[in-house]
Protein backbone atom coordinates (compact mmCIF):
# COMPACT_ATOMS: atom_id res chain seq x y z
CA UNK A 1 -37.69 -28.10 -27.50
CA UNK A 2 -38.56 -29.89 -24.37
CA UNK A 3 -38.74 -28.10 -20.90
CA UNK A 4 -35.83 -30.18 -19.70
CA UNK A 5 -33.52 -29.16 -22.76
CA UNK A 6 -34.57 -25.48 -22.34
CA UNK A 7 -33.60 -25.60 -18.59
CA UNK A 8 -30.31 -27.14 -19.44
CA UNK A 9 -29.52 -24.50 -22.11
CA UNK A 10 -30.40 -21.74 -19.73
CA UNK A 11 -28.08 -23.41 -17.11
CA UNK A 12 -25.31 -23.26 -19.62
CA UNK A 13 -25.90 -19.71 -20.28
CA UNK A 14 -25.62 -19.09 -16.62
CA UNK A 15 -22.31 -20.58 -16.51
CA UNK A 16 -22.93 -24.13 -15.53
CA UNK A 17 -20.91 -26.71 -17.39
CA UNK A 18 -23.13 -29.63 -16.26
CA UNK A 19 -26.87 -30.13 -15.72
CA UNK A 20 -29.05 -33.12 -15.25
CA UNK A 21 -32.31 -34.28 -13.68
CA UNK A 22 -33.00 -37.08 -11.18
CA UNK A 23 -35.77 -38.01 -8.97
CA UNK A 24 -36.01 -37.66 -5.05
CA UNK A 25 -35.97 -41.31 -4.35
CA UNK A 26 -34.18 -43.12 -1.58
CA UNK A 27 -30.40 -43.14 -2.24
CA UNK A 28 -29.19 -46.58 -3.32
CA UNK A 29 -25.92 -46.20 -1.38
CA UNK A 30 -27.41 -44.68 1.84
CA UNK A 31 -25.88 -47.51 3.79
CA UNK A 32 -22.39 -46.36 2.80
CA UNK A 33 -23.20 -42.95 4.51
CA UNK A 34 -24.62 -44.61 7.53
CA UNK A 35 -21.63 -46.96 7.95
CA UNK A 36 -19.28 -43.99 7.44
CA UNK A 37 -21.10 -42.14 10.30
CA UNK A 38 -21.12 -45.28 12.51
CA UNK A 39 -17.32 -45.54 12.32
CA UNK A 40 -16.75 -41.82 12.98
CA UNK A 41 -15.60 -41.01 9.50
CA UNK A 42 -17.04 -37.46 9.81
CA UNK A 43 -14.85 -36.42 12.60
CA UNK A 44 -16.04 -33.67 14.82
CA UNK A 45 -18.61 -32.52 12.29
CA UNK A 46 -21.52 -33.71 14.40
CA UNK A 47 -24.19 -31.72 12.29
CA UNK A 48 -23.77 -34.61 9.64
CA UNK A 49 -25.01 -37.19 12.10
CA UNK A 50 -28.06 -35.41 13.45
CA UNK A 51 -31.40 -37.15 12.94
CA UNK A 52 -32.64 -34.28 10.87
CA UNK A 53 -29.69 -34.47 8.55
CA UNK A 54 -30.00 -38.24 8.14
CA UNK A 55 -33.78 -38.05 7.59
CA UNK A 56 -33.22 -35.48 4.88
CA UNK A 57 -30.59 -37.52 3.06
CA UNK A 58 -32.90 -40.54 3.10
CA UNK A 59 -35.72 -38.52 1.60
CA UNK A 60 -35.23 -34.92 0.01
CA UNK A 61 -38.97 -34.33 0.46
CA UNK A 62 -38.00 -33.74 4.26
CA UNK A 63 -36.46 -30.38 2.74
CA UNK A 64 -39.21 -29.75 0.12
CA UNK A 65 -42.41 -31.75 0.71
CA UNK A 66 -43.68 -31.02 -2.86
CA UNK A 67 -40.37 -32.03 -4.49
CA UNK A 68 -40.90 -34.26 -7.52
CA UNK A 69 -37.64 -33.60 -9.46
CA UNK A 70 -34.08 -32.54 -8.63
CA UNK A 71 -31.88 -30.50 -11.01
CA UNK A 72 -28.19 -31.16 -10.34
CA UNK A 73 -25.64 -28.62 -11.70
CA UNK A 74 -21.94 -28.35 -11.86
CA UNK A 75 -19.74 -25.20 -12.44
CA UNK A 76 -16.02 -25.35 -13.22
CA UNK A 77 -13.41 -23.53 -11.03
CA UNK A 78 -10.32 -24.85 -13.06
CA UNK A 79 -7.84 -22.42 -13.92
CA UNK A 80 -4.10 -22.74 -15.05
CA UNK A 81 -2.03 -24.02 -12.22
CA UNK A 82 -4.88 -25.80 -10.33
CA UNK A 83 -3.23 -29.22 -10.99
CA UNK A 84 0.40 -28.07 -10.90
CA UNK A 85 2.85 -29.35 -8.38
CA UNK A 86 4.36 -26.55 -6.29
CA UNK A 87 8.00 -26.00 -7.22
CA UNK A 88 10.85 -26.17 -4.73
CA UNK A 89 11.63 -22.38 -5.48
CA UNK A 90 8.14 -21.61 -4.22
CA UNK A 91 8.63 -23.66 -1.10
CA UNK A 92 12.05 -21.98 -0.37
CA UNK A 93 10.33 -18.55 -0.86
CA UNK A 94 8.08 -19.44 2.09
CA UNK A 95 4.70 -19.68 0.09
CA UNK A 96 1.73 -21.54 1.23
CA UNK A 97 -0.86 -23.50 -0.79
CA UNK A 98 -4.71 -22.98 -0.97
CA UNK A 99 -7.10 -25.33 -2.57
CA UNK A 100 -7.99 -24.01 -6.13
CA UNK A 101 -11.75 -23.56 -5.45
CA UNK A 102 -10.86 -20.86 -2.88
CA UNK A 103 -8.57 -18.78 -5.19
CA UNK A 104 -11.39 -16.38 -5.97
CA UNK A 105 -14.80 -15.30 -4.89
CA UNK A 106 -16.78 -17.37 -2.43
CA UNK A 107 -18.75 -19.71 -4.53
CA UNK A 108 -21.77 -19.30 -2.39
CA UNK A 109 -22.04 -15.60 -3.37
CA UNK A 110 -21.82 -16.58 -7.00
CA UNK A 111 -24.01 -19.58 -7.15
CA UNK A 112 -26.87 -18.70 -5.21
CA UNK A 113 -28.01 -15.72 -7.37
CA UNK A 114 -27.52 -17.86 -10.52
CA UNK A 115 -29.74 -20.51 -8.95
CA UNK A 116 -32.46 -18.07 -8.24
CA UNK A 117 -32.30 -16.79 -11.78
CA UNK A 118 -32.55 -20.41 -13.10
CA UNK A 119 -35.68 -20.91 -10.83
CA UNK A 120 -37.14 -17.73 -12.17
CA UNK A 121 -36.56 -19.01 -15.69
CA UNK A 122 -38.31 -22.31 -15.04
CA UNK A 123 -41.24 -20.60 -13.63
CA UNK A 124 -41.51 -18.33 -16.62
CA UNK A 125 -41.43 -21.32 -18.92
CA UNK A 126 -44.30 -23.10 -17.05
CA UNK A 127 -46.26 -19.94 -16.49
CA UNK A 128 -46.70 -20.13 -12.68
CA UNK A 129 -44.76 -20.33 -9.39
CA UNK A 130 -43.14 -23.66 -8.46
CA UNK A 131 -42.28 -24.85 -4.98
CA UNK A 132 -38.47 -24.97 -4.90
CA UNK A 133 -35.46 -25.03 -2.77
CA UNK A 134 -31.90 -24.40 -4.10
CA UNK A 135 -28.50 -24.86 -2.40
CA UNK A 136 -24.82 -25.55 -2.87
CA UNK A 137 -23.53 -27.79 -0.03
CA UNK A 138 -25.77 -25.96 2.51
CA UNK A 139 -28.67 -28.50 2.51
CA UNK A 140 -28.42 -31.93 4.01
CA UNK A 141 -28.25 -33.90 0.75
CA UNK A 142 -26.08 -36.53 -0.65
CA UNK A 143 -25.01 -34.15 -3.49
CA UNK A 144 -22.48 -36.51 -5.16
CA UNK A 145 -24.94 -39.45 -5.31
CA UNK A 146 -27.65 -37.23 -6.58
CA UNK A 147 -25.34 -36.01 -9.28
CA UNK A 148 -24.26 -39.48 -10.31
CA UNK A 149 -27.93 -40.30 -10.60
CA UNK A 150 -28.44 -37.22 -12.88
CA UNK A 151 -25.81 -38.44 -15.26
CA UNK A 152 -23.07 -35.80 -14.20
CA UNK A 153 -20.30 -38.29 -13.44
CA UNK A 154 -19.19 -41.13 -11.07
CA UNK A 155 -17.79 -41.07 -7.66
CA UNK A 156 -14.11 -41.72 -7.89
CA UNK A 157 -11.73 -43.47 -5.66
CA UNK A 158 -10.72 -39.98 -4.31
CA UNK A 159 -14.31 -39.44 -3.21
CA UNK A 160 -14.79 -36.72 -5.70
CA UNK A 161 -17.43 -36.67 -8.45
CA UNK A 162 -15.50 -37.09 -11.82
CA UNK A 163 -16.93 -36.11 -15.20
CA UNK A 164 -15.18 -37.47 -18.30
CA UNK A 165 -15.16 -34.15 -20.07
CA UNK A 166 -14.23 -31.79 -17.41
CA UNK A 167 -12.53 -34.01 -14.60
CA UNK A 168 -13.44 -33.14 -11.01
CA UNK A 169 -12.60 -29.42 -10.54
CA UNK A 170 -16.26 -28.35 -10.38
CA UNK A 171 -18.69 -27.37 -7.64
CA UNK A 172 -22.14 -28.90 -7.32
CA UNK A 173 -25.48 -27.10 -6.74
CA UNK A 174 -28.94 -28.37 -6.76
CA UNK A 175 -32.51 -27.16 -7.22
CA UNK A 176 -35.43 -29.20 -5.66
CA UNK A 177 -38.48 -28.63 -7.90
CA UNK A 178 -42.10 -29.23 -7.12
CA UNK A 179 -42.88 -30.24 -10.79
CA UNK A 180 -42.38 -33.58 -12.65
CA UNK A 181 -39.40 -33.70 -15.04
CA UNK A 182 -37.94 -36.50 -17.11
CA UNK A 183 -34.81 -37.92 -15.24
CA UNK A 184 -31.52 -38.44 -17.11
CA UNK A 185 -29.89 -41.76 -17.22
CA UNK A 186 -27.61 -42.22 -14.20
CA UNK A 187 -23.86 -42.38 -14.91
CA UNK A 188 -23.31 -46.08 -14.15
CA UNK A 189 -19.81 -46.64 -15.41
CA UNK A 190 -16.77 -46.56 -13.15
CA UNK A 191 -13.81 -45.16 -15.11
CA UNK A 192 -11.34 -45.04 -12.30
CA UNK A 193 -10.27 -48.60 -13.43
CA UNK A 194 -7.24 -50.06 -11.66
CA UNK A 195 -5.71 -46.56 -10.96
CA UNK A 196 -4.96 -45.86 -7.25
CA UNK A 197 -2.91 -42.67 -7.73
CA UNK A 198 -5.07 -40.68 -5.37
CA UNK A 199 -4.83 -43.22 -2.60
CA UNK A 200 -1.07 -43.39 -2.93
CA UNK A 201 -0.66 -39.65 -3.06
CA UNK A 202 -2.74 -38.65 -0.19
CA UNK A 203 -0.30 -37.10 2.37
CA UNK A 204 -2.33 -38.36 5.41
CA UNK A 205 -3.63 -41.66 3.89
CA UNK A 206 -7.26 -40.59 4.70
CA UNK A 207 -8.83 -42.01 1.62
CA UNK A 208 -10.45 -45.41 2.27
CA UNK A 209 -10.77 -48.25 -0.22
CA UNK A 210 -14.72 -47.83 -0.10
CA UNK A 211 -14.46 -44.34 -1.70
CA UNK A 212 -15.06 -42.67 1.64
CA UNK A 213 -12.49 -40.84 3.74
CA UNK A 214 -11.33 -40.47 7.33
CA UNK A 215 -12.30 -36.74 7.73
CA UNK A 216 -10.26 -36.60 10.92
CA UNK A 217 -7.07 -37.13 8.93
CA UNK A 218 -8.00 -35.14 5.87
CA UNK A 219 -6.02 -31.94 5.27
CA UNK A 220 -9.07 -30.16 4.00
CA UNK A 221 -10.92 -31.01 7.18
CA UNK A 222 -7.98 -30.18 9.40
CA UNK A 223 -7.47 -26.79 7.86
CA UNK A 224 -11.14 -25.77 7.34
CA UNK A 225 -13.72 -27.52 9.46
CA UNK A 226 -11.58 -28.56 12.46
CA UNK A 227 -11.67 -25.71 14.99
CA UNK A 228 -9.15 -26.84 17.64
CA UNK A 229 -5.57 -28.19 17.82
CA UNK A 230 -4.22 -30.08 14.97
CA UNK A 231 -2.93 -33.49 16.17
CA UNK A 232 0.83 -33.14 16.47
CA UNK A 233 1.40 -36.32 14.57
CA UNK A 234 -0.38 -35.01 11.42
CA UNK A 235 1.17 -31.58 11.41
CA UNK A 236 4.21 -32.48 9.40
CA UNK A 237 2.01 -34.14 6.81
CA UNK A 238 0.12 -30.81 6.08
CA UNK A 239 3.29 -29.54 4.31
CA UNK A 240 2.41 -25.95 3.24
CA UNK A 241 -1.28 -26.43 2.76
CA UNK A 242 -2.95 -23.57 4.77
CA UNK A 243 -6.61 -23.94 3.48
CA UNK A 244 -7.89 -27.28 1.84
CA UNK A 245 -5.98 -29.72 -0.28
CA UNK A 246 -6.05 -30.63 -3.87
CA UNK A 247 -3.44 -33.43 -3.89
CA UNK A 248 -5.98 -36.34 -4.76
CA UNK A 249 -7.25 -34.19 -7.57
CA UNK A 250 -3.99 -33.10 -8.85
CA UNK A 251 -2.71 -36.62 -9.48
CA UNK A 252 -6.01 -37.79 -11.02
CA UNK A 253 -5.48 -38.63 -14.81
CA UNK A 254 -8.98 -37.29 -15.51
CA UNK A 255 -7.87 -33.78 -14.35
CA UNK A 256 -4.42 -34.02 -15.89
CA UNK A 257 -5.85 -34.87 -19.28
CA UNK A 258 -9.35 -33.54 -19.70
CA UNK A 259 -9.92 -30.63 -17.19
CA UNK A 260 -10.70 -27.47 -19.29
CA UNK A 261 -8.10 -24.80 -19.41
CA UNK A 262 -10.43 -22.07 -18.11
CA UNK A 263 -13.18 -22.24 -15.54
CA UNK A 264 -15.61 -19.44 -14.67
CA UNK A 265 -13.72 -16.18 -14.44
CA UNK A 266 -15.11 -15.39 -10.98
CA UNK A 267 -13.00 -18.32 -9.57
CA UNK A 268 -9.79 -17.04 -11.14
CA UNK A 269 -6.91 -16.58 -8.63
CA UNK A 270 -6.90 -13.21 -6.92
CA UNK A 271 -3.60 -11.61 -5.98
CA UNK A 272 -1.79 -13.71 -3.33
CA UNK A 273 -4.59 -16.13 -2.90
CA UNK A 274 -3.15 -19.28 -4.47
CA UNK A 275 0.25 -19.06 -2.94
CA UNK A 276 0.25 -16.58 -0.03
CA UNK A 277 3.46 -15.34 1.69
CA UNK A 278 3.40 -17.31 4.98
CA UNK A 279 5.52 -14.87 6.90
CA UNK A 280 3.24 -12.07 5.99
CA UNK A 281 0.11 -13.93 6.56
CA UNK A 282 0.92 -14.85 10.09
CA UNK A 283 1.06 -11.27 11.03
CA UNK A 284 -2.44 -10.44 9.81
CA UNK A 285 -4.37 -8.47 12.46
CA UNK A 286 -8.04 -9.42 12.71
CA UNK A 287 -9.06 -6.35 10.76
CA UNK A 288 -6.39 -7.04 8.03
CA UNK A 289 -7.65 -10.65 7.81
CA UNK A 290 -11.29 -9.75 7.39
CA UNK A 291 -10.39 -6.97 4.89
CA UNK A 292 -8.18 -9.43 2.80
CA UNK A 293 -10.47 -12.28 2.70
CA UNK A 294 -13.80 -10.61 2.62
CA UNK A 295 -16.18 -12.70 0.29
CA UNK A 296 -13.62 -15.47 0.22
CA UNK A 297 -13.97 -19.09 1.20
CA UNK A 298 -10.93 -18.56 3.63
CA UNK A 299 -13.33 -16.76 6.04
CA UNK A 300 -14.71 -20.14 6.87
CA UNK A 301 -11.56 -21.11 8.86
CA UNK A 302 -11.70 -17.67 10.66
CA UNK A 303 -8.50 -15.86 11.47
CA UNK A 304 -7.47 -18.20 14.35
CA UNK A 305 -7.91 -21.38 12.36
CA UNK A 306 -6.12 -19.82 9.26
CA UNK A 307 -3.13 -18.48 11.25
CA UNK A 308 -2.95 -21.88 13.02
CA UNK A 309 -2.46 -23.45 9.60
CA UNK A 310 0.11 -20.79 8.62
CA UNK A 311 2.07 -21.34 11.72
CA UNK A 312 2.09 -25.20 11.01
CA UNK A 313 3.13 -24.53 7.41
CA UNK A 314 5.90 -22.26 8.54
CA UNK A 315 7.12 -25.06 10.83
CA UNK A 316 7.11 -27.46 7.91
CA UNK A 317 9.35 -25.26 5.83
CA UNK A 318 12.59 -26.24 7.80
CA UNK A 319 13.85 -22.76 7.20
CA UNK A 320 15.70 -20.40 9.63
CA UNK A 321 14.07 -17.61 7.68
CA UNK A 322 10.76 -18.65 9.34
CA UNK A 323 12.10 -17.81 12.87
CA UNK A 324 11.20 -14.01 13.00
CA UNK A 325 7.53 -14.70 11.89
CA UNK A 326 7.10 -17.49 14.29
CA UNK A 327 8.57 -15.66 17.29
CA UNK A 328 6.32 -12.88 16.63
CA UNK A 329 3.30 -15.29 16.47
CA UNK A 330 4.12 -16.29 20.01
CA UNK A 331 2.66 -13.15 21.13
CA UNK A 332 -0.61 -13.52 19.26
CA UNK A 333 -3.91 -12.90 21.08
CA UNK A 334 -5.19 -16.29 20.08
CA UNK A 335 -3.88 -19.29 22.26
CA UNK A 336 -4.36 -21.61 19.12
CA UNK A 337 -1.96 -19.76 17.13
CA UNK A 338 0.62 -19.30 19.84
CA UNK A 339 0.53 -23.19 20.50
CA UNK A 340 1.14 -24.04 16.76
CA UNK A 341 3.81 -21.29 16.55
CA UNK A 342 5.58 -22.81 19.53
CA UNK A 343 5.46 -26.24 18.04
CA UNK A 344 6.83 -24.93 14.70
CA UNK A 345 9.86 -23.53 16.59
CA UNK A 346 10.93 -26.75 18.00
CA UNK A 347 13.23 -29.29 16.24
CA UNK A 348 12.86 -31.47 14.20
CA UNK A 349 9.97 -29.46 12.51
CA UNK A 350 12.57 -26.81 11.60
CA UNK A 351 16.32 -26.48 11.15
CA UNK A 352 16.53 -23.69 13.74
CA UNK A 353 19.41 -23.74 16.20
CA UNK A 354 18.72 -25.36 19.62
C-alpha cells in the first residue's frame, strides 16, 4: 500500500469522508479572489484583504516554508432535517433557524485533535518528524480551490464545494506537509449544469453569477461576522434565521438526492439548537448564553450579535405573541439589542397594534 493510500484510510478511520492531495502551487483562480476583494465582496472582513493574507493565499509556503504537499479533508455534518424547509407550524410557534453545521459541537474542537492525530500517524509511517501546519478555516488559504485541486469536488454556483457522493454539507480541513506526496487529479467537471436554484432561492440575492457572493448581503455574514447594525432594508429578508443560513444548500439537487443520511455524530443537533424558541432566547443573560452555547459555533456571534439576530427574527414573525419578549428586550444592556428590538416592534414588521 502506498503512503498516500495509507493516509487516506487513516483519515477515513478518523471520520473524514473525503481526502485528497494537491501541491502548494499558485492558485489558478487567484484573480477571482483579487477581483472579489477589489469590489468589496468581503464586506467588513478586512482581515481577508490584508497583504499577509493575500501573500499566503498566493503561496502556501508563506505559512509553511517547507511545504511540499497539501492534504485536503472533508467531514460530513449532515443530519436528518438539514435540508428540510421549516414548516408553517414551526414559524407560528416562534422558532428560529440555525445553520446545520452549528447544531452540535464547535467543529474546531472536533477537527483540530483529529488533524493532530493524522499528522502523528503520517510521522509514524515515515519514521521521523515532518514540518506541518494544520487548520480548518483558520489559516489564510483558498480552501475550496485547494480542495477542488485535490479532487474533492467542484465549486458550485452557490459558492460551496460540492462532492457528487455527499453533496456540500461537509467541513473542509487541511494539513500542509513538508514531504513530497503524489497529488490526486483535480476535479475538473462542473456538474451544476444549467441549474440556478441556489441563485433564485437566496433570500438576499447575494450570490453572483461568477460563483462568488456579496458578503455584505449574505445572511450568514450578517448574522455571524457582521458585528454592528443589520441594514434595515435587509432585516425582513433574514426571516427567522438567527445564525447562518442554509437556503442555497437546501435547494441544491446534489444535497437533496445524494447527501448521506447521517454525518459525524458529534455534529448531531443538541436540544434546542436547530430551532430555538425565540422568545426564550432573547431573554438569555450573558451567563445563560455562555452556559448554553459553550463549545458551540454560536459563541462566534457573541451574545449581543445573537440577540440582535433573535430580535430581528421576532420582528419578522408578524405575530402579536412576540410583543412581550420584544418589549422586555427594550431594556437589554446592549444598545445593539435594544435597537433591533425597537425596529421589530414597529409596523409593518409585525401585526402589532399601533
